[in-house]
C-alpha cells in the first residue's frame, strides 16, 4: 500500500566527514567558495582584533573611522559582486 524506503545504515561521524571532503573535492566551485570565505574570514578576524587599538596609533576617532570604512567596503563589495555576476 505505502512504499517505504529501506532503512539507511548508520555511519560514523568520521565516515560522514570523509564523504563530505570527497564531495568537496569533486565539486570544485563549492570548494573555491569555501576556501575564499575562510581566507576572508581569517583576515577580517585579525583586522577586528587589532581595531580597538587603532586609537593608540592614530587619532582618537580612528576606531570609528575604521568601522565606517569596513561597513562601506562591505556594501561596495556586495554591489560590485552583484554587478560582476550580471
Protein backbone atom coordinates (compact mmCIF):
# COMPACT_ATOMS: atom_id res chain seq x y z
CA UNK A 1 0.00 0.00 0.00
CA UNK A 2 2.61 2.62 1.11
CA UNK A 3 6.10 2.49 -0.25
CA UNK A 4 8.70 2.73 2.44
CA UNK A 5 12.35 3.47 1.95
CA UNK A 6 14.83 0.91 3.15
CA UNK A 7 16.50 1.84 6.42
CA UNK A 8 19.71 3.75 5.96
CA UNK A 9 22.77 2.20 7.59
CA UNK A 10 24.20 4.35 10.35
CA UNK A 11 27.53 5.93 9.53
CA UNK A 12 30.12 7.07 11.98
CA UNK A 13 30.90 10.77 12.20
CA UNK A 14 34.35 10.14 10.74
CA UNK A 15 32.92 8.49 7.63
CA UNK A 16 30.43 11.36 7.19
CA UNK A 17 33.29 13.89 7.34
CA UNK A 18 35.30 11.80 4.89
CA UNK A 19 32.34 11.68 2.49
CA UNK A 20 31.92 15.45 2.80
CA UNK A 21 35.58 16.03 1.85
CA UNK A 22 35.21 13.67 -1.12
CA UNK A 23 32.16 15.64 -2.23
CA UNK A 24 34.03 18.95 -1.88
CA UNK A 25 36.95 17.64 -3.92
CA UNK A 26 34.50 16.57 -6.62
CA UNK A 27 32.68 19.92 -6.64
CA UNK A 28 35.45 22.45 -7.29
CA UNK A 29 33.16 25.50 -7.36
CA UNK A 30 31.89 24.86 -3.85
CA UNK A 31 35.43 24.20 -2.63
CA UNK A 32 36.66 27.50 -4.07
CA UNK A 33 33.85 29.43 -2.39
CA UNK A 34 34.52 27.77 0.99
CA UNK A 35 38.27 28.40 0.81
CA UNK A 36 37.77 32.02 -0.28
CA UNK A 37 35.25 32.64 2.52
CA UNK A 38 37.63 31.08 5.06
CA UNK A 39 40.53 33.28 3.99
CA UNK A 40 38.40 36.43 4.07
CA UNK A 41 37.04 35.45 7.49
CA UNK A 42 40.59 34.95 8.81
CA UNK A 43 41.68 38.36 7.51
CA UNK A 44 38.62 40.12 8.95
CA UNK A 45 39.11 38.43 12.32
CA UNK A 46 42.66 39.75 12.52
CA UNK A 47 41.53 43.20 11.42
CA UNK A 48 38.78 43.33 14.04
CA UNK A 49 41.14 42.00 16.70
CA UNK A 50 43.57 44.91 16.36
CA UNK A 51 40.93 47.51 15.51
CA UNK A 52 40.26 48.74 19.08
CA UNK A 53 43.94 49.61 19.43
CA UNK A 54 43.88 51.91 16.39
CA UNK A 55 43.28 54.92 18.62
CA UNK A 56 46.75 54.44 20.13
CA UNK A 57 48.47 54.50 16.74
CA UNK A 58 46.25 57.05 15.01
CA UNK A 59 43.86 59.76 16.11
CA UNK A 60 41.25 59.48 18.82
CA UNK A 61 38.49 58.88 16.23
CA UNK A 62 40.37 56.18 14.28
CA UNK A 63 38.26 53.33 15.67
CA UNK A 64 35.02 54.91 14.40
CA UNK A 65 36.61 55.75 11.06
CA UNK A 66 37.84 52.19 10.51
CA UNK A 67 34.46 50.71 11.49
CA UNK A 68 32.79 53.03 9.00
CA UNK A 69 35.33 52.11 6.32
CA UNK A 70 34.67 48.42 6.95
CA UNK A 71 30.92 48.93 6.53
CA UNK A 72 31.29 50.98 3.36
CA UNK A 73 33.73 48.41 1.96
CA UNK A 74 31.26 45.61 2.64
CA UNK A 75 28.50 47.49 0.87
CA UNK A 76 30.70 48.33 -2.12
CA UNK A 77 31.89 44.73 -2.29
CA UNK A 78 28.33 43.44 -2.32
CA UNK A 79 27.34 45.85 -5.09
CA UNK A 80 30.47 45.00 -7.12
CA UNK A 81 29.85 41.29 -6.65
CA UNK A 82 26.29 41.69 -7.86
CA UNK A 83 27.44 43.68 -10.93
CA UNK A 84 30.18 41.19 -11.80
CA UNK A 85 27.68 38.33 -11.83
CA UNK A 86 25.48 40.10 -14.34
